[in-house]
Amino acid sequence: MEIARHIRRQAHGIVGPLIGLTLGCYFAYHLVEGDRGLIAWVRLTQQIRAAKITAAQIHEERAEAAHRVSLLRPEHLDPDLLDEQARAALNLIGPGEVVILNSDGRTK
């Protein structure tokens, strides 16, 4: 009887800190591993960085394409670009000319 009473007193003193420790471990785990935890934040930061790089590359390609299109407008037509486009579309070359293809298939 005396032993059981002593164990109950000790248990009352341990239960509160044990619950607090359990809750602390639970929240610490979700701070690191959760949907909005540190690992998810690092992963999202890397994805944002990769998306910004891709967006910059696409922006450069779009600016280059817009520049090439502007050179074909009737107001200020670039004869060299027009000649290049006509030769590529018609598959023609002049006598004594050599065609060098890039990896993307465009002529140089």
PDB file of N, CA and C in Angstrom:
ATOM      1  N   MET A   1       0.811  -1.181   0.000  1.00  0.00           N
ATOM      2  CA  MET A   1       0.000   0.000   0.000  1.00  0.00           C
ATOM      3  C   MET A   1       0.861   1.254   0.000  1.00  0.00           C
ATOM      4  N   GLU A   2       1.846   1.249   0.836  1.00  0.00           N
ATOM      5  CA  GLU A   2       2.749   2.389   0.922  1.00  0.00           C
ATOM      6  C   GLU A   2       3.507   2.559  -0.397  1.00  0.00           C
ATOM      7  N   ILE A   3       3.862   1.476  -1.006  1.00  0.00           N
ATOM      8  CA  ILE A   3       4.606   1.523  -2.281  1.00  0.00           C
ATOM      9  C   ILE A   3       3.726   2.079  -3.391  1.00  0.00           C
ATOM     10  N   ALA A   4       2.469   1.671  -3.436  1.00  0.00           N
ATOM     11  CA  ALA A   4       1.546   2.150  -4.473  1.00  0.00           C
ATOM     12  C   ALA A   4       1.323   3.645  -4.343  1.00  0.00           C
ATOM     13  N   ARG A   5       1.200   4.164  -3.123  1.00  0.00           N
ATOM     14  CA  ARG A   5       1.009   5.585  -2.898  1.00  0.00           C
ATOM     15  C   ARG A   5       2.251   6.358  -3.345  1.00  0.00           C
ATOM     16  N   HIS A   6       3.392   5.840  -3.073  1.00  0.00           N
ATOM     17  CA  HIS A   6       4.652   6.475  -3.467  1.00  0.00           C
ATOM     18  C   HIS A   6       4.776   6.517  -5.011  1.00  0.00           C
ATOM     19  N   ILE A   7       4.389   5.434  -5.658  1.00  0.00           N
ATOM     20  CA  ILE A   7       4.444   5.389  -7.136  1.00  0.00           C
ATOM     21  C   ILE A   7       3.469   6.395  -7.731  1.00  0.00           C
ATOM     22  N   ARG A   8       2.276   6.530  -7.133  1.00  0.00           N
ATOM     23  CA  ARG A   8       1.299   7.503  -7.649  1.00  0.00           C
ATOM     24  C   ARG A   8       1.819   8.933  -7.515  1.00  0.00           C
ATOM     25  N   ARG A   9       2.426   9.257  -6.406  1.00  0.00           N
ATOM     26  CA  ARG A   9       2.990  10.598  -6.230  1.00  0.00           C
ATOM     27  C   ARG A   9       4.077  10.874  -7.269  1.00  0.00           C
ATOM     28  N   GLN A  10       4.931   9.906  -7.497  1.00  0.00           N
ATOM     29  CA  GLN A  10       5.996  10.065  -8.489  1.00  0.00           C
ATOM     30  C   GLN A  10       5.404  10.179  -9.898  1.00  0.00           C
ATOM     31  N   ALA A  11       4.354   9.426 -10.166  1.00  0.00           N
ATOM     32  CA  ALA A  11       3.713   9.457 -11.487  1.00  0.00           C
ATOM     33  C   ALA A  11       3.093  10.821 -11.750  1.00  0.00           C
ATOM     34  N   HIS A  12       2.475  11.421 -10.737  1.00  0.00           N
ATOM     35  CA  HIS A  12       1.882  12.752 -10.917  1.00  0.00           C
ATOM     36  C   HIS A  12       2.961  13.784 -11.243  1.00  0.00           C
ATOM     37  N   GLY A  13       4.127  13.622 -10.723  1.00  0.00           N
ATOM     38  CA  GLY A  13       5.215  14.549 -11.003  1.00  0.00           C
ATOM     39  C   GLY A  13       5.867  14.310 -12.358  1.00  0.00           C
ATOM     40  N   ILE A  14       5.692  13.136 -12.919  1.00  0.00           N
ATOM     41  CA  ILE A  14       6.326  12.790 -14.198  1.00  0.00           C
ATOM     42  C   ILE A  14       5.381  12.984 -15.378  1.00  0.00           C
ATOM     43  N   VAL A  15       4.090  12.850 -15.184  1.00  0.00           N
ATOM     44  CA  VAL A  15       3.121  12.893 -16.289  1.00  0.00           C
ATOM     45  C   VAL A  15       3.166  14.231 -17.019  1.00  0.00           C
ATOM     46  N   GLY A  16       3.166  15.334 -16.315  1.00  0.00           N
ATOM     47  CA  GLY A  16       3.175  16.663 -16.955  1.00  0.00           C
ATOM     48  C   GLY A  16       4.407  16.873 -17.823  1.00  0.00           C
ATOM     49  N   PRO A  17       5.601  16.696 -17.300  1.00  0.00           N
ATOM     50  CA  PRO A  17       6.787  16.854 -18.139  1.00  0.00           C
ATOM     51  C   PRO A  17       6.847  15.851 -19.297  1.00  0.00           C
ATOM     52  N   LEU A  18       6.339  14.634 -19.068  1.00  0.00           N
ATOM     53  CA  LEU A  18       6.334  13.635 -20.136  1.00  0.00           C
ATOM     54  C   LEU A  18       5.412  14.056 -21.279  1.00  0.00           C
ATOM     55  N   ILE A  19       4.250  14.588 -20.955  1.00  0.00           N
ATOM     56  CA  ILE A  19       3.328  15.090 -21.988  1.00  0.00           C
ATOM     57  C   ILE A  19       3.959  16.292 -22.698  1.00  0.00           C
ATOM     58  N   GLY A  20       4.578  17.171 -21.931  1.00  0.00           N
ATOM     59  CA  GLY A  20       5.254  18.325 -22.546  1.00  0.00           C
ATOM     60  C   GLY A  20       6.374  17.900 -23.471  1.00  0.00           C
ATOM     61  N   LEU A  21       7.163  16.920 -23.062  1.00  0.00           N
ATOM     62  CA  LEU A  21       8.246  16.417 -23.902  1.00  0.00           C
ATOM     63  C   LEU A  21       7.705  15.767 -25.167  1.00  0.00           C
ATOM     64  N   THR A  22       6.618  15.005 -25.031  1.00  0.00           N
ATOM     65  CA  THR A  22       5.995  14.363 -26.192  1.00  0.00           C
ATOM     66  C   THR A  22       5.481  15.407 -27.181  1.00  0.00           C
ATOM     67  N   LEU A  23       4.794  16.440 -26.677  1.00  0.00           N
ATOM     68  CA  LEU A  23       4.307  17.504 -27.564  1.00  0.00           C
ATOM     69  C   LEU A  23       5.465  18.255 -28.216  1.00  0.00           C
ATOM     70  N   GLY A  24       6.512  18.501 -27.449  1.00  0.00           N
ATOM     71  CA  GLY A  24       7.687  19.179 -28.019  1.00  0.00           C
ATOM     72  C   GLY A  24       8.312  18.364 -29.135  1.00  0.00           C
ATOM     73  N   CYS A  25       8.435  17.061 -28.942  1.00  0.00           N
ATOM     74  CA  CYS A  25       8.994  16.193 -29.996  1.00  0.00           C
ATOM     75  C   CYS A  25       8.093  16.166 -31.222  1.00  0.00           C
ATOM     76  N   TYR A  26       6.764  16.127 -30.981  1.00  0.00           N
ATOM     77  CA  TYR A  26       5.809  16.127 -32.088  1.00  0.00           C
ATOM     78  C   TYR A  26       5.960  17.390 -32.932  1.00  0.00           C
ATOM     79  N   PHE A  27       5.981  18.546 -32.298  1.00  0.00           N
ATOM     80  CA  PHE A  27       6.096  19.807 -33.033  1.00  0.00           C
ATOM     81  C   PHE A  27       7.478  19.965 -33.669  1.00  0.00           C
ATOM     82  N   ALA A  28       8.513  19.499 -33.026  1.00  0.00           N
ATOM     83  CA  ALA A  28       9.854  19.568 -33.613  1.00  0.00           C
ATOM     84  C   ALA A  28       9.937  18.702 -34.868  1.00  0.00           C
ATOM     85  N   TYR A  29       9.340  17.523 -34.814  1.00  0.00           N
ATOM     86  CA  TYR A  29       9.330  16.649 -36.000  1.00  0.00           C
ATOM     87  C   TYR A  29       8.627  17.342 -37.160  1.00  0.00           C
ATOM     88  N   HIS A  30       7.448  17.919 -36.905  1.00  0.00           N
ATOM     89  CA  HIS A  30       6.696  18.579 -37.978  1.00  0.00           C
ATOM     90  C   HIS A  30       7.341  19.893 -38.417  1.00  0.00           C
ATOM     91  N   LEU A  31       8.132  20.504 -37.555  1.00  0.00           N
ATOM     92  CA  LEU A  31       8.877  21.692 -37.952  1.00  0.00           C
ATOM     93  C   LEU A  31       9.890  21.347 -39.034  1.00  0.00           C
ATOM     94  N   VAL A  32      10.463  20.167 -38.955  1.00  0.00           N
ATOM     95  CA  VAL A  32      11.475  19.751 -39.918  1.00  0.00           C
ATOM     96  C   VAL A  32      10.848  18.992 -41.085  1.00  0.00           C
ATOM     97  N   GLU A  33      10.012  18.006 -40.815  1.00  0.00           N
ATOM     98  CA  GLU A  33       9.509  17.088 -41.827  1.00  0.00           C
ATOM     99  C   GLU A  33       8.125  17.410 -42.362  1.00  0.00           C
ATOM    100  N   GLY A  34       7.416  18.354 -41.806  1.00  0.00           N
ATOM    101  CA  GLY A  34       6.024  18.602 -42.167  1.00  0.00           C
ATOM    102  C   GLY A  34       5.860  19.196 -43.560  1.00  0.00           C
ATOM    103  N   ASP A  35       4.596  19.370 -43.966  1.00  0.00           N
ATOM    104  CA  ASP A  35       4.278  19.943 -45.280  1.00  0.00           C
ATOM    105  C   ASP A  35       4.827  21.361 -45.430  1.00  0.00           C
ATOM    106  N   ARG A  36       4.914  22.073 -44.332  1.00  0.00           N
ATOM    107  CA  ARG A  36       5.460  23.431 -44.347  1.00  0.00           C
ATOM    108  C   ARG A  36       6.725  23.515 -43.512  1.00  0.00           C
ATOM    109  N   GLY A  37       7.424  22.400 -43.389  1.00  0.00           N
ATOM    110  CA  GLY A  37       8.626  22.333 -42.573  1.00  0.00           C
ATOM    111  C   GLY A  37       9.856  22.837 -43.302  1.00  0.00           C
ATOM    112  N   LEU A  38      10.983  22.694 -42.659  1.00  0.00           N
ATOM    113  CA  LEU A  38      12.243  23.200 -43.207  1.00  0.00           C
ATOM    114  C   LEU A  38      12.646  22.479 -44.491  1.00  0.00           C
ATOM    115  N   ILE A  39      12.463  21.178 -44.546  1.00  0.00           N
ATOM    116  CA  ILE A  39      12.830  20.426 -45.753  1.00  0.00           C
ATOM    117  C   ILE A  39      11.954  20.839 -46.921  1.00  0.00           C
ATOM    118  N   ALA A  40      10.659  21.014 -46.679  1.00  0.00           N
ATOM    119  CA  ALA A  40       9.757  21.474 -47.738  1.00  0.00           C
ATOM    120  C   ALA A  40      10.128  22.880 -48.188  1.00  0.00           C
ATOM    121  N   TRP A  41      10.525  23.736 -47.244  1.00  0.00           N
ATOM    122  CA  TRP A  41      10.921  25.103 -47.588  1.00  0.00           C
ATOM    123  C   TRP A  41      12.166  25.103 -48.472  1.00  0.00           C
ATOM    124  N   VAL A  42      13.146  24.256 -48.143  1.00  0.00           N
ATOM    125  CA  VAL A  42      14.367  24.166 -48.959  1.00  0.00           C
ATOM    126  C   VAL A  42      14.018  23.657 -50.354  1.00  0.00           C
ATOM    127  N   ARG A  43      13.164  22.650 -50.436  1.00  0.00           N
ATOM    128  CA  ARG A  43      12.763  22.099 -51.737  1.00  0.00           C
ATOM    129  C   ARG A  43      12.050  23.153 -52.579  1.00  0.00           C
ATOM    130  N   LEU A  44      11.143  23.898 -51.965  1.00  0.00           N
ATOM    131  CA  LEU A  44      10.433  24.948 -52.697  1.00  0.00           C
ATOM    132  C   LEU A  44      11.372  26.063 -53.141  1.00  0.00           C
ATOM    133  N   THR A  45      12.338  26.400 -52.311  1.00  0.00           N
ATOM    134  CA  THR A  45      13.319  27.424 -52.683  1.00  0.00           C
ATOM    135  C   THR A  45      14.115  26.982 -53.901  1.00  0.00           C
ATOM    136  N   GLN A  46      14.510  25.709 -53.947  1.00  0.00           N
ATOM    137  CA  GLN A  46      15.238  25.193 -55.109  1.00  0.00           C
ATOM    138  C   GLN A  46      14.360  25.202 -56.350  1.00  0.00           C
ATOM    139  N   GLN A  47      13.085  24.841 -56.204  1.00  0.00           N
ATOM    140  CA  GLN A  47      12.177  24.851 -57.348  1.00  0.00           C
ATOM    141  C   GLN A  47      11.963  26.280 -57.852  1.00  0.00           C
ATOM    142  N   ILE A  48      11.863  27.232 -56.959  1.00  0.00           N
ATOM    143  CA  ILE A  48      11.693  28.636 -57.368  1.00  0.00           C
ATOM    144  C   ILE A  48      12.932  29.119 -58.110  1.00  0.00           C
ATOM    145  N   ARG A  49      14.112  28.764 -57.603  1.00  0.00           N
ATOM    146  CA  ARG A  49      15.361  29.157 -58.258  1.00  0.00           C
ATOM    147  C   ARG A  49      15.429  28.565 -59.670  1.00  0.00           C
ATOM    148  N   ALA A  50      15.065  27.287 -59.814  1.00  0.00           N
ATOM    149  CA  ALA A  50      15.087  26.640 -61.133  1.00  0.00           C
ATOM    150  C   ALA A  50      14.049  27.276 -62.058  1.00  0.00           C
ATOM    151  N   ALA A  51      12.890  27.624 -61.529  1.00  0.00           N
ATOM    152  CA  ALA A  51      11.850  28.255 -62.348  1.00  0.00           C
ATOM    153  C   ALA A  51      12.285  29.648 -62.808  1.00  0.00           C
ATOM    154  N   LYS A  52      12.992  30.378 -61.950  1.00  0.00           N
ATOM    155  CA  LYS A  52      13.482  31.703 -62.357  1.00  0.00           C
ATOM    156  C   LYS A  52      14.524  31.591 -63.457  1.00  0.00           C
ATOM    157  N   ILE A  53      15.386  30.588 -63.371  1.00  0.00           N
ATOM    158  CA  ILE A  53      16.392  30.376 -64.427  1.00  0.00           C
ATOM    159  C   ILE A  53      15.703  30.031 -65.736  1.00  0.00           C
ATOM    160  N   THR A  54      14.717  29.143 -65.680  1.00  0.00           N
ATOM    161  CA  THR A  54      13.968  28.767 -66.875  1.00  0.00           C
ATOM    162  C   THR A  54      13.235  29.971 -67.460  1.00  0.00           C
ATOM    163  N   ALA A  55      12.637  30.780 -66.601  1.00  0.00           N
ATOM    164  CA  ALA A  55      11.923  31.971 -67.065  1.00  0.00           C
ATOM    165  C   ALA A  55      12.878  32.946 -67.746  1.00  0.00           C
ATOM    166  N   ALA A  56      14.082  33.100 -67.195  1.00  0.00           N
ATOM    167  CA  ALA A  56      15.063  33.998 -67.815  1.00  0.00           C
ATOM    168  C   ALA A  56      15.490  33.477 -69.195  1.00  0.00           C
ATOM    169  N   GLN A  57      15.685  32.170 -69.312  1.00  0.00           N
ATOM    170  CA  GLN A  57      16.061  31.590 -70.604  1.00  0.00           C
ATOM    171  C   GLN A  57      14.941  31.779 -71.624  1.00  0.00           C
ATOM    172  N   ILE A  58      13.717  31.537 -71.210  1.00  0.00           N
ATOM    173  CA  ILE A  58      12.577  31.712 -72.117  1.00  0.00           C
ATOM    174  C   ILE A  58      12.434  33.176 -72.513  1.00  0.00           C
ATOM    175  N   HIS A  59      12.667  34.081 -71.571  1.00  0.00           N
ATOM    176  CA  HIS A  59      12.587  35.507 -71.880  1.00  0.00           C
ATOM    177  C   HIS A  59      13.639  35.892 -72.930  1.00  0.00           C
ATOM    178  N   GLU A  60      14.862  35.360 -72.783  1.00  0.00           N
ATOM    179  CA  GLU A  60      15.910  35.641 -73.773  1.00  0.00           C
ATOM    180  C   GLU A  60      15.543  35.081 -75.140  1.00  0.00           C
ATOM    181  N   GLU A  61      15.024  33.851 -75.179  1.00  0.00           N
ATOM    182  CA  GLU A  61      14.620  33.255 -76.456  1.00  0.00           C
ATOM    183  C   GLU A  61      13.495  34.064 -77.099  1.00  0.00           C
ATOM    184  N   ARG A  62      12.564  34.521 -76.276  1.00  0.00           N
ATOM    185  CA  ARG A  62      11.446  35.303 -76.799  1.00  0.00           C
ATOM    186  C   ARG A  62      11.937  36.650 -77.341  1.00  0.00           C
ATOM    187  N   ALA A  63      12.875  37.265 -76.635  1.00  0.00           N
ATOM    188  CA  ALA A  63      13.418  38.545 -77.108  1.00  0.00           C
ATOM    189  C   ALA A  63      14.159  38.352 -78.426  1.00  0.00           C
ATOM    190  N   GLU A  64      14.896  37.252 -78.552  1.00  0.00           N
ATOM    191  CA  GLU A  64      15.601  36.970 -79.808  1.00  0.00           C
ATOM    192  C   GLU A  64      14.610  36.731 -80.942  1.00  0.00           C
ATOM    193  N   ALA A  65      13.553  35.964 -80.658  1.00  0.00           N
ATOM    194  CA  ALA A  65      12.543  35.713 -81.691  1.00  0.00           C
ATOM    195  C   ALA A  65      11.820  37.002 -82.076  1.00  0.00           C
ATOM    196  N   ALA A  66      11.519  37.858 -81.097  1.00  0.00           N
ATOM    197  CA  ALA A  66      10.863  39.132 -81.393  1.00  0.00           C
ATOM    198  C   ALA A  66      11.762  40.017 -82.239  1.00  0.00           C
ATOM    199  N   HIS A  67      13.058  39.977 -81.966  1.00  0.00           N
ATOM    200  CA  HIS A  67      13.994  40.764 -82.761  1.00  0.00           C
ATOM    201  C   HIS A  67      14.040  40.258 -84.206  1.00  0.00           C
ATOM    202  N   ARG A  68      14.077  38.943 -84.373  1.00  0.00           N
ATOM    203  CA  ARG A  68      14.106  38.379 -85.731  1.00  0.00           C
ATOM    204  C   ARG A  68      12.812  38.704 -86.480  1.00  0.00           C
ATOM    205  N   VAL A  69      11.689  38.671 -85.786  1.00  0.00           N
ATOM    206  CA  VAL A  69      10.407  39.000 -86.417  1.00  0.00           C
ATOM    207  C   VAL A  69      10.390  40.476 -86.801  1.00  0.00           C
ATOM    208  N   SER A  70      10.940  41.332 -85.928  1.00  0.00           N
ATOM    209  CA  SER A  70      10.937  42.768 -86.245  1.00  0.00           C
ATOM    210  C   SER A  70      11.796  43.070 -87.471  1.00  0.00           C
ATOM    211  N   LEU A  71      12.816  42.228 -87.724  1.00  0.00           N
ATOM    212  CA  LEU A  71      13.644  42.435 -88.913  1.00  0.00           C
ATOM    213  C   LEU A  71      12.926  42.048 -90.197  1.00  0.00           C
ATOM    214  N   LEU A  72      11.838  41.309 -90.098  1.00  0.00           N
ATOM    215  CA  LEU A  72      11.075  40.901 -91.283  1.00  0.00           C
ATOM    216  C   LEU A  72       9.841  41.764 -91.517  1.00  0.00           C
ATOM    217  N   ARG A  73       9.649  42.804 -90.754  1.00  0.00           N
ATOM    218  CA  ARG A  73       8.486  43.678 -90.950  1.00  0.00           C
ATOM    219  C   ARG A  73       8.692  44.531 -92.208  1.00  0.00           C
ATOM    220  N   PRO A  74       7.610  44.838 -92.886  1.00  0.00           N
ATOM    221  CA  PRO A  74       7.727  45.597 -94.144  1.00  0.00           C
ATOM    222  C   PRO A  74       8.332  46.991 -93.968  1.00  0.00           C
ATOM    223  N   GLU A  75       8.179  47.591 -92.783  1.00  0.00           N
ATOM    224  CA  GLU A  75       8.694  48.949 -92.590  1.00  0.00           C
ATOM    225  C   GLU A  75      10.217  48.990 -92.698  1.00  0.00           C
ATOM    226  N   HIS A  76      10.887  47.975 -92.203  1.00  0.00           N
ATOM    227  CA  HIS A  76      12.356  47.922 -92.263  1.00  0.00           C
ATOM    228  C   HIS A  76      12.785  46.465 -92.428  1.00  0.00           C
ATOM    229  N   LEU A  77      12.698  46.015 -93.648  1.00  0.00           N
ATOM    230  CA  LEU A  77      13.007  44.634 -93.993  1.00  0.00           C
ATOM    231  C   LEU A  77      14.513  44.446 -94.103  1.00  0.00           C
ATOM    232  N   ASP A  78      15.043  43.436 -93.444  1.00  0.00           N
ATOM    233  CA  ASP A  78      16.461  43.107 -93.503  1.00  0.00           C
ATOM    234  C   ASP A  78      16.679  42.128 -94.655  1.00  0.00           C
ATOM    235  N   PRO A  79      17.377  42.533 -95.704  1.00  0.00           N
ATOM    236  CA  PRO A  79      17.542  41.662 -96.866  1.00  0.00           C
ATOM    237  C   PRO A  79      18.297  40.366 -96.546  1.00  0.00           C
ATOM    238  N   ASP A  80      19.271  40.432 -95.659  1.00  0.00           N
ATOM    239  CA  ASP A  80      20.022  39.221 -95.322  1.00  0.00           C
ATOM    240  C   ASP A  80      19.145  38.184 -94.632  1.00  0.00           C
ATOM    241  N   LEU A  81      18.330  38.635 -93.704  1.00  0.00           N
ATOM    242  CA  LEU A  81      17.451  37.703 -93.007  1.00  0.00           C
ATOM    243  C   LEU A  81      16.382  37.166 -93.951  1.00  0.00           C
ATOM    244  N   LEU A  82      15.874  38.010 -94.825  1.00  0.00           N
ATOM    245  CA  LEU A  82      14.895  37.558 -95.807  1.00  0.00           C
ATOM    246  C   LEU A  82      15.505  36.504 -96.719  1.00  0.00           C
ATOM    247  N   ASP A  83      16.756  36.734 -97.164  1.00  0.00           N
ATOM    248  CA  ASP A  83      17.450  35.765 -98.008  1.00  0.00           C
ATOM    249  C   ASP A  83      17.648  34.444 -97.256  1.00  0.00           C
ATOM    250  N   GLU A  84      18.042  34.542 -95.989  1.00  0.00           N
ATOM    251  CA  GLU A  84      18.238  33.327 -95.179  1.00  0.00           C
ATOM    252  C   GLU A  84      16.941  32.539 -95.036  1.00  0.00           C
ATOM    253  N   GLN A  85      15.856  33.238 -94.752  1.00  0.00           N
ATOM    254  CA  GLN A  85      14.565  32.562 -94.583  1.00  0.00           C
ATOM    255  C   GLN A  85      14.082  31.950 -95.898  1.00  0.00           C
ATOM    256  N   ALA A  86      14.258  32.657 -97.005  1.00  0.00           N
ATOM    257  CA  ALA A  86      13.824  32.123 -98.305  1.00  0.00           C
ATOM    258  C   ALA A  86      14.642  30.888 -98.673  1.00  0.00           C
ATOM    259  N   ARG A  87      15.945  30.928 -98.465  1.00  0.00           N
ATOM    260  CA  ARG A  87      16.780  29.770 -98.792  1.00  0.00           C
ATOM    261  C   ARG A  87      16.427  28.568 -97.911  1.00  0.00           C
ATOM    262  N   ALA A  88      16.143  28.820 -96.631  1.00  0.00           N
ATOM    263  CA  ALA A  88      15.778  27.718 -95.730  1.00  0.00           C
ATOM    264  C   ALA A  88      14.428  27.131 -96.109  1.00  0.00           C
ATOM    265  N   ALA A  89      13.476  27.995 -96.489  1.00  0.00           N
ATOM    266  CA  ALA A  89      12.140  27.512 -96.830  1.00  0.00           C
ATOM    267  C   ALA A  89      12.134  26.774 -98.167  1.00  0.00           C
ATOM    268  N   LEU A  90      12.915  27.269 -99.122  1.00  0.00           N
ATOM    269  CA  LEU A  90      12.923  26.671-100.462  1.00  0.00           C
ATOM    270  C   LEU A  90      14.002  25.612-100.639  1.00  0.00           C
ATOM    271  N   ASN A  91      14.871  25.473 -99.647  1.00  0.00           N
ATOM    272  CA  ASN A  91      15.944  24.483 -99.707  1.00  0.00           C
ATOM    273  C   ASN A  91      16.885  24.748-100.884  1.00  0.00           C
ATOM    274  N   LEU A  92      17.271  25.999-101.069  1.00  0.00           N
ATOM    275  CA  LEU A  92      18.129  26.382-102.191  1.00  0.00           C
ATOM    276  C   LEU A  92      19.439  26.967-101.676  1.00  0.00           C
ATOM    277  N   ILE A  93      20.506  26.785-102.457  1.00  0.00           N
ATOM    278  CA  ILE A  93      21.782  27.449-102.190  1.00  0.00           C
ATOM    279  C   ILE A  93      22.322  27.958-103.514  1.00  0.00           C
ATOM    280  N   GLY A  94      23.216  28.930-103.415  1.00  0.00           N
ATOM    281  CA  GLY A  94      23.821  29.475-104.613  1.00  0.00           C
ATOM    282  C   GLY A  94      25.022  28.636-105.028  1.00  0.00           C
ATOM    283  N   PRO A  95      25.497  28.839-106.260  1.00  0.00           N
ATOM    284  CA  PRO A  95      26.662  28.081-106.716  1.00  0.00           C
ATOM    285  C   PRO A  95      27.901  28.465-105.894  1.00  0.00           C
ATOM    286  N   GLY A  96      28.673  27.472-105.472  1.00  0.00           N
ATOM    287  CA  GLY A  96      29.880  27.703-104.707  1.00  0.00           C
ATOM    288  C   GLY A  96      29.644  27.967-103.233  1.00  0.00           C
ATOM    289  N   GLU A  97      28.407  27.847-102.732  1.00  0.00           N
ATOM    290  CA  GLU A  97      28.107  28.077-101.319  1.00  0.00           C
ATOM    291  C   GLU A  97      28.120  26.756-100.560  1.00  0.00           C
ATOM    292  N   VAL A  98      28.441  26.840 -99.284  1.00  0.00           N
ATOM    293  CA  VAL A  98      28.446  25.671 -98.414  1.00  0.00           C
ATOM    294  C   VAL A  98      27.445  25.927 -97.287  1.00  0.00           C
ATOM    295  N   VAL A  99      26.625  24.932 -96.990  1.00  0.00           N
ATOM    296  CA  VAL A  99      25.631  25.039 -95.927  1.00  0.00           C
ATOM    297  C   VAL A  99      26.142  24.334 -94.693  1.00  0.00           C
ATOM    298  N   ILE A 100      26.150  25.032 -93.571  1.00  0.00           N
ATOM    299  CA  ILE A 100      26.558  24.452 -92.288  1.00  0.00           C
ATOM    300  C   ILE A 100      25.341  24.507 -91.371  1.00  0.00           C
ATOM    301  N   LEU A 101      24.879  23.353 -90.895  1.00  0.00           N
ATOM    302  CA  LEU A 101      23.701  23.280 -90.032  1.00  0.00           C
ATOM    303  C   LEU A 101      24.130  23.271 -88.565  1.00  0.00           C
ATOM    304  N   ASN A 102      23.404  24.017 -87.752  1.00  0.00           N
ATOM    305  CA  ASN A 102      23.604  23.974 -86.306  1.00  0.00           C
ATOM    306  C   ASN A 102      22.922  22.732 -85.763  1.00  0.00           C
ATOM    307  N   SER A 103      23.085  22.496 -84.468  1.00  0.00           N
ATOM    308  CA  SER A 103      22.450  21.340 -83.839  1.00  0.00           C
ATOM    309  C   SER A 103      20.924  21.475 -83.836  1.00  0.00           C
ATOM    310  N   ASP A 104      20.407  22.718 -83.886  1.00  0.00           N
ATOM    311  CA  ASP A 104      18.960  22.880 -83.913  1.00  0.00           C
ATOM    312  C   ASP A 104      18.395  22.903 -85.329  1.00  0.00           C
ATOM    313  N   GLY A 105      19.246  22.710 -86.333  1.00  0.00           N
ATOM    314  CA  GLY A 105      18.772  22.601 -87.714  1.00  0.00           C
ATOM    315  C   GLY A 105      18.773  23.907 -88.483  1.00  0.00           C
ATOM    316  N   ARG A 106      19.096  25.025 -87.853  1.00  0.00           N
ATOM    317  CA  ARG A 106      19.129  26.301 -88.560  1.00  0.00           C
ATOM    318  C   ARG A 106      20.454  26.426 -89.302  1.00  0.00           C
ATOM    319  N   THR A 107      20.438  27.126 -90.412  1.00  0.00           N
ATOM    320  CA  THR A 107      21.671  27.330 -91.196  1.00  0.00           C
ATOM    321  C   THR A 107      22.495  28.437 -90.588  1.00  0.00           C
ATOM    322  N   LYS A 108      23.769  28.338 -90.842  1.00  0.00           N
ATOM    323  CA  LYS A 108      24.688  29.362 -90.367  1.00  0.00           C
ATOM    324  C   LYS A 108      25.167  30.191 -91.517  1.00  0.00           C
TER     325      LYS A 108
END
